[in-house]
Each structure stands twice: as C-alpha cells, then as structure tokens.
Amino acid sequence: MNLVIGYGNTLRRDDGVGPAAARALEHRGAPPDTEIIALFQLTPELAEPISRADTVIFVDASVHDGGAPGDVRETRLSVPDDPHLDPGAFTHNVTPLLLVVAAHGLYGRAPDAAWLITVSAGSFDLGEGLSAPVQAALSRVVSRIEALLGSDSRTGS
C-alpha cells in the first residue's frame, strides 16, 4: 500500500499546497493501492497507517528554504540506525520524520521509502487559493508523486 499525505492550512494561501496536491492527485486518478489523505496538520495518529505503507509521501509548503515561490524540492526520509522515540516528541511539532520513526517504534515497521515534497511558498497571508507560482507547481508535484510511486506512464516508470 502507498500513502500520500498532503497537509497545510487552506486558509493561509500557499500553506494549502499539500491538500491541493492531494486533491489534484485524486482528480487525476491515484495509482492503484494508494491512499490519499488531505489534512490541516500532521497528528500522532498517522503513525499507524504509515506503518502499513510500503511508500509514504508527504507534501507541504516550505518557508525560509531559499527557494523562489513555486520551487519544488524532495527529501528522502529514513529511520535512523538507532531510532529513539522521545515520549514528549508529539507535544509540540509533529514532523514527517517523527511519524516515520514513530511508525517503526510503535508498530515495528516503517515504510520502505518515505519522501517529503515541499513547495516554496510565496504567501502565507490569510485567504484561500494558491499564489500563481505555487499553483503552477502543482502539476510538477503530482507528476513527481506519480514517479515516486512508480506509476507515471509518461516517464515509463
């Protein structure tokens, strides 16, 4: 099973790129055996479905990464050789890597592949809708998700 998690606040302009990417992937047709989740923020409860996934892809907006609005980056996430799950880790900021480590620590299994795709934001102002550069990046994000899941027929993956 594959899992795509798009997260962010859709009422803060470009922060909503994660849910927008999840909806765009659903609209285009998710690859077989892929669950898509769009949500406001990451929560500890996601560790359980992550533990069942072979591949998990997180999609979020980024800030202060030096990229121009609409730049797309991907980072491979991996469980450290000696993972340590701090019981207080879930009290402040749940991150994609923390959830992958939690899946391993709590359920004895982490995905074979875990990725974080970020899109550099241009605006976190109050309001709905993505800025033009971030909106333009959506098709690249969805294509990259499809490629990482091995289902993008245009690239022969």
C-alpha atoms as a PDB file:
ATOM      1  CA  MET A   1       0.000   0.000   0.000  1.00  0.00           C
ATOM      2  CA  ASN A   2       1.132   3.543  -0.776  1.00  0.00           C
ATOM      3  CA  LEU A   3       0.176   6.582   1.252  1.00  0.00           C
ATOM      4  CA  VAL A   4       0.186  10.242   0.173  1.00  0.00           C
ATOM      5  CA  ILE A   5      -0.359  12.848   2.889  1.00  0.00           C
ATOM      6  CA  GLY A   6      -0.891  16.444   1.821  1.00  0.00           C
ATOM      7  CA  TYR A   7      -1.102  18.811   4.760  1.00  0.00           C
ATOM      8  CA  GLY A   8      -1.418  22.517   5.447  1.00  0.00           C
ATOM      9  CA  ASN A   9      -3.831  25.320   6.210  1.00  0.00           C
ATOM     10  CA  THR A  10      -6.007  26.034   3.165  1.00  0.00           C
ATOM     11  CA  LEU A  11      -6.979  29.403   4.694  1.00  0.00           C
ATOM     12  CA  ARG A  12      -3.361  30.650   4.602  1.00  0.00           C
ATOM     13  CA  ARG A  13      -2.843  30.833   0.829  1.00  0.00           C
ATOM     14  CA  ASP A  14       0.240  28.776  -0.188  1.00  0.00           C
ATOM     15  CA  ASP A  15       0.194  26.797   3.056  1.00  0.00           C
ATOM     16  CA  GLY A  16      -2.656  24.874   1.406  1.00  0.00           C
ATOM     17  CA  VAL A  17      -0.444  23.374  -1.297  1.00  0.00           C
ATOM     18  CA  GLY A  18      -0.321  19.972   0.444  1.00  0.00           C
ATOM     19  CA  PRO A  19      -4.101  19.456   0.449  1.00  0.00           C
ATOM     20  CA  ALA A  20      -4.292  20.954  -3.071  1.00  0.00           C
ATOM     21  CA  ALA A  21      -1.740  18.407  -4.312  1.00  0.00           C
ATOM     22  CA  ALA A  22      -3.694  15.579  -2.654  1.00  0.00           C
ATOM     23  CA  ARG A  23      -6.915  16.720  -4.364  1.00  0.00           C
ATOM     24  CA  ALA A  24      -5.124  17.101  -7.712  1.00  0.00           C
ATOM     25  CA  LEU A  25      -3.744  13.555  -7.444  1.00  0.00           C
ATOM     26  CA  GLU A  26      -7.219  12.231  -6.630  1.00  0.00           C
ATOM     27  CA  HIS A  27      -8.670  14.141  -9.583  1.00  0.00           C
ATOM     28  CA  ARG A  28      -6.021  12.778 -11.938  1.00  0.00           C
ATOM     29  CA  GLY A  29      -6.576   9.273 -10.630  1.00  0.00           C
ATOM     30  CA  ALA A  30      -4.492   7.860  -7.839  1.00  0.00           C
ATOM     31  CA  PRO A  31      -2.205   4.963  -8.631  1.00  0.00           C
ATOM     32  CA  PRO A  32      -3.602   1.562  -7.612  1.00  0.00           C
ATOM     33  CA  ASP A  33      -3.343   0.671  -3.935  1.00  0.00           C
ATOM     34  CA  THR A  34      -2.742   4.297  -2.941  1.00  0.00           C
ATOM     35  CA  GLU A  35      -4.487   6.029  -0.067  1.00  0.00           C
ATOM     36  CA  ILE A  36      -4.590   9.825  -0.198  1.00  0.00           C
ATOM     37  CA  ILE A  37      -5.083  11.937   2.907  1.00  0.00           C
ATOM     38  CA  ALA A  38      -5.530  15.720   2.910  1.00  0.00           C
ATOM     39  CA  LEU A  39      -5.470  17.400   6.302  1.00  0.00           C
ATOM     40  CA  PHE A  40      -4.769  20.583   8.207  1.00  0.00           C
ATOM     41  CA  GLN A  41      -1.778  19.297  10.189  1.00  0.00           C
ATOM     42  CA  LEU A  42       0.093  16.115  10.977  1.00  0.00           C
ATOM     43  CA  THR A  43      -1.090  14.205  14.032  1.00  0.00           C
ATOM     44  CA  PRO A  44       0.360  11.271  16.006  1.00  0.00           C
ATOM     45  CA  GLU A  45      -2.492   9.001  14.838  1.00  0.00           C
ATOM     46  CA  LEU A  46      -0.924   8.938  11.364  1.00  0.00           C
ATOM     47  CA  ALA A  47       1.856   6.655  12.635  1.00  0.00           C
ATOM     48  CA  GLU A  48      -0.450   3.631  12.339  1.00  0.00           C
ATOM     49  CA  PRO A  49      -1.380   3.954   8.629  1.00  0.00           C
ATOM     50  CA  ILE A  50       2.227   4.969   7.896  1.00  0.00           C
ATOM     51  CA  SER A  51       3.383   1.686   9.465  1.00  0.00           C
ATOM     52  CA  ARG A  52       1.239  -0.212   6.950  1.00  0.00           C
ATOM     53  CA  ALA A  53       2.546   1.671   3.910  1.00  0.00           C
ATOM     54  CA  ASP A  54       5.311   0.491   1.610  1.00  0.00           C
ATOM     55  CA  THR A  55       5.837   4.069   0.432  1.00  0.00           C
ATOM     56  CA  VAL A  56       4.694   7.289   2.077  1.00  0.00           C
ATOM     57  CA  ILE A  57       4.913  10.730   0.515  1.00  0.00           C
ATOM     58  CA  PHE A  58       4.270  13.903   2.487  1.00  0.00           C
ATOM     59  CA  VAL A  59       3.506  17.175   0.675  1.00  0.00           C
ATOM     60  CA  ASP A  60       3.772  20.573   2.361  1.00  0.00           C
ATOM     61  CA  ALA A  61       4.605  24.220   1.794  1.00  0.00           C
ATOM     62  CA  SER A  62       8.012  25.430   2.854  1.00  0.00           C
ATOM     63  CA  VAL A  63       9.301  28.752   4.034  1.00  0.00           C
ATOM     64  CA  HIS A  64      12.825  30.084   4.509  1.00  0.00           C
ATOM     65  CA  ASP A  65      14.407  27.411   2.325  1.00  0.00           C
ATOM     66  CA  GLY A  66      15.990  29.878  -0.084  1.00  0.00           C
ATOM     67  CA  GLY A  67      13.838  28.783  -2.997  1.00  0.00           C
ATOM     68  CA  ALA A  68      11.748  31.012  -5.214  1.00  0.00           C
ATOM     69  CA  PRO A  69       7.967  30.657  -4.840  1.00  0.00           C
ATOM     70  CA  GLY A  70       6.885  27.503  -6.644  1.00  0.00           C
ATOM     71  CA  ASP A  71      10.244  25.704  -6.377  1.00  0.00           C
ATOM     72  CA  VAL A  72       9.699  22.000  -5.691  1.00  0.00           C
ATOM     73  CA  ARG A  73      12.103  20.000  -3.545  1.00  0.00           C
ATOM     74  CA  GLU A  74      12.088  16.431  -2.351  1.00  0.00           C
ATOM     75  CA  THR A  75      13.857  14.878   0.586  1.00  0.00           C
ATOM     76  CA  ARG A  76      14.173  11.186   1.326  1.00  0.00           C
ATOM     77  CA  LEU A  77      13.300  10.364   4.928  1.00  0.00           C
ATOM     78  CA  SER A  78      14.786   7.376   6.682  1.00  0.00           C
ATOM     79  CA  VAL A  79      14.665   5.847  10.120  1.00  0.00           C
ATOM     80  CA  PRO A  80      17.986   6.307  11.914  1.00  0.00           C
ATOM     81  CA  ASP A  81      20.013   3.170  12.650  1.00  0.00           C
ATOM     82  CA  ASP A  82      19.168   3.517  16.330  1.00  0.00           C
ATOM     83  CA  PRO A  83      15.772   5.231  16.398  1.00  0.00           C
ATOM     84  CA  HIS A  84      14.744   6.754  19.691  1.00  0.00           C
ATOM     85  CA  LEU A  85      11.167   7.879  20.107  1.00  0.00           C
ATOM     86  CA  ASP A  86      11.021  10.613  22.740  1.00  0.00           C
ATOM     87  CA  PRO A  87       7.665  10.309  24.557  1.00  0.00           C
ATOM     88  CA  GLY A  88       7.380  14.109  24.572  1.00  0.00           C
ATOM     89  CA  ALA A  89       8.079  14.444  20.864  1.00  0.00           C
ATOM     90  CA  PHE A  90       4.409  14.668  19.954  1.00  0.00           C
ATOM     91  CA  THR A  91       3.635  17.572  22.271  1.00  0.00           C
ATOM     92  CA  HIS A  92       4.767  20.433  20.040  1.00  0.00           C
ATOM     93  CA  ASN A  93       5.625  19.793  16.420  1.00  0.00           C
ATOM     94  CA  VAL A  94       4.786  16.568  14.610  1.00  0.00           C
ATOM     95  CA  THR A  95       7.063  16.202  11.589  1.00  0.00           C
ATOM     96  CA  PRO A  96       7.086  13.671   8.749  1.00  0.00           C
ATOM     97  CA  LEU A  97      10.335  12.117  10.009  1.00  0.00           C
ATOM     98  CA  LEU A  98       8.950  11.858  13.540  1.00  0.00           C
ATOM     99  CA  LEU A  99       5.918   9.990  12.184  1.00  0.00           C
ATOM    100  CA  VAL A 100       8.113   7.551  10.243  1.00  0.00           C
ATOM    101  CA  VAL A 101      10.214   6.927  13.366  1.00  0.00           C
ATOM    102  CA  ALA A 102       7.014   6.553  15.422  1.00  0.00           C
ATOM    103  CA  ALA A 103       5.646   4.007  12.951  1.00  0.00           C
ATOM    104  CA  HIS A 104       8.812   1.972  13.421  1.00  0.00           C
ATOM    105  CA  GLY A 105       8.931   2.408  17.189  1.00  0.00           C
ATOM    106  CA  LEU A 106       5.256   1.845  17.936  1.00  0.00           C
ATOM    107  CA  TYR A 107       4.280  -0.680  15.267  1.00  0.00           C
ATOM    108  CA  GLY A 108       7.595  -2.330  14.421  1.00  0.00           C
ATOM    109  CA  ARG A 109       7.518  -1.294  10.781  1.00  0.00           C
ATOM    110  CA  ALA A 110       8.326   1.799   8.769  1.00  0.00           C
ATOM    111  CA  PRO A 111       7.756   2.310   5.040  1.00  0.00           C
ATOM    112  CA  ASP A 112      10.436   1.044   2.664  1.00  0.00           C
ATOM    113  CA  ALA A 113      10.512   4.545   1.154  1.00  0.00           C
ATOM    114  CA  ALA A 114       9.435   7.840   2.694  1.00  0.00           C
ATOM    115  CA  TRP A 115       9.609  11.211   0.965  1.00  0.00           C
ATOM    116  CA  LEU A 116       8.861  14.822   1.812  1.00  0.00           C
ATOM    117  CA  ILE A 117       7.990  17.031  -1.156  1.00  0.00           C
ATOM    118  CA  THR A 118       7.958  20.723  -0.370  1.00  0.00           C
ATOM    119  CA  VAL A 119       6.913  23.695  -2.456  1.00  0.00           C
ATOM    120  CA  SER A 120       8.427  27.085  -1.658  1.00  0.00           C
ATOM    121  CA  ALA A 121       5.616  29.401  -0.652  1.00  0.00           C
ATOM    122  CA  GLY A 122       5.148  32.956  -1.800  1.00  0.00           C
ATOM    123  CA  SER A 123       2.356  33.921   0.589  1.00  0.00           C
ATOM    124  CA  PHE A 124       1.053  32.730   3.919  1.00  0.00           C
ATOM    125  CA  ASP A 125      -1.421  35.615   4.087  1.00  0.00           C
ATOM    126  CA  LEU A 126      -4.976  34.985   5.209  1.00  0.00           C
ATOM    127  CA  GLY A 127      -7.103  33.896   2.275  1.00  0.00           C
ATOM    128  CA  GLU A 128      -7.943  30.969   0.076  1.00  0.00           C
ATOM    129  CA  GLY A 129      -6.234  29.971  -3.129  1.00  0.00           C
ATOM    130  CA  LEU A 130      -2.608  29.467  -4.039  1.00  0.00           C
ATOM    131  CA  SER A 131      -0.344  32.134  -5.446  1.00  0.00           C
ATOM    132  CA  ALA A 132       0.309  31.883  -9.191  1.00  0.00           C
ATOM    133  CA  PRO A 133       3.794  30.296  -8.897  1.00  0.00           C
ATOM    134  CA  VAL A 134       2.620  27.695  -6.381  1.00  0.00           C
ATOM    135  CA  GLN A 135      -0.498  26.925  -8.431  1.00  0.00           C
ATOM    136  CA  ALA A 136       1.755  26.425 -11.466  1.00  0.00           C
ATOM    137  CA  ALA A 137       3.920  23.991  -9.464  1.00  0.00           C
ATOM    138  CA  LEU A 138       1.002  21.647  -8.670  1.00  0.00           C
ATOM    139  CA  SER A 139       1.266  19.628 -11.880  1.00  0.00           C
ATOM    140  CA  ARG A 140       5.016  19.100 -11.254  1.00  0.00           C
ATOM    141  CA  VAL A 141       4.275  17.952  -7.703  1.00  0.00           C
ATOM    142  CA  VAL A 142       1.639  15.457  -8.842  1.00  0.00           C
ATOM    143  CA  SER A 143       3.915  14.149 -11.609  1.00  0.00           C
ATOM    144  CA  ARG A 144       6.725  13.711  -9.092  1.00  0.00           C
ATOM    145  CA  ILE A 145       4.414  11.817  -6.707  1.00  0.00           C
ATOM    146  CA  GLU A 146       3.371   9.522  -9.550  1.00  0.00           C
ATOM    147  CA  ALA A 147       7.004   8.924 -10.484  1.00  0.00           C
ATOM    148  CA  LEU A 148       7.995   8.142  -6.886  1.00  0.00           C
ATOM    149  CA  LEU A 149       5.119   5.671  -6.718  1.00  0.00           C
ATOM    150  CA  GLY A 150       6.292   4.128  -9.985  1.00  0.00           C
ATOM    151  CA  SER A 151       3.103   4.858 -11.854  1.00  0.00           C
ATOM    152  CA  ASP A 152       3.892   7.761 -14.166  1.00  0.00           C
ATOM    153  CA  SER A 153       3.293   6.238 -17.579  1.00  0.00           C
ATOM    154  CA  ARG A 154       4.706   9.308 -19.355  1.00  0.00           C
ATOM    155  CA  THR A 155       8.173   8.582 -17.980  1.00  0.00           C
ATOM    156  CA  GLY A 156       7.943   4.840 -18.373  1.00  0.00           C
ATOM    157  CA  SER A 157       8.323   4.283 -14.622  1.00  0.00           C
END
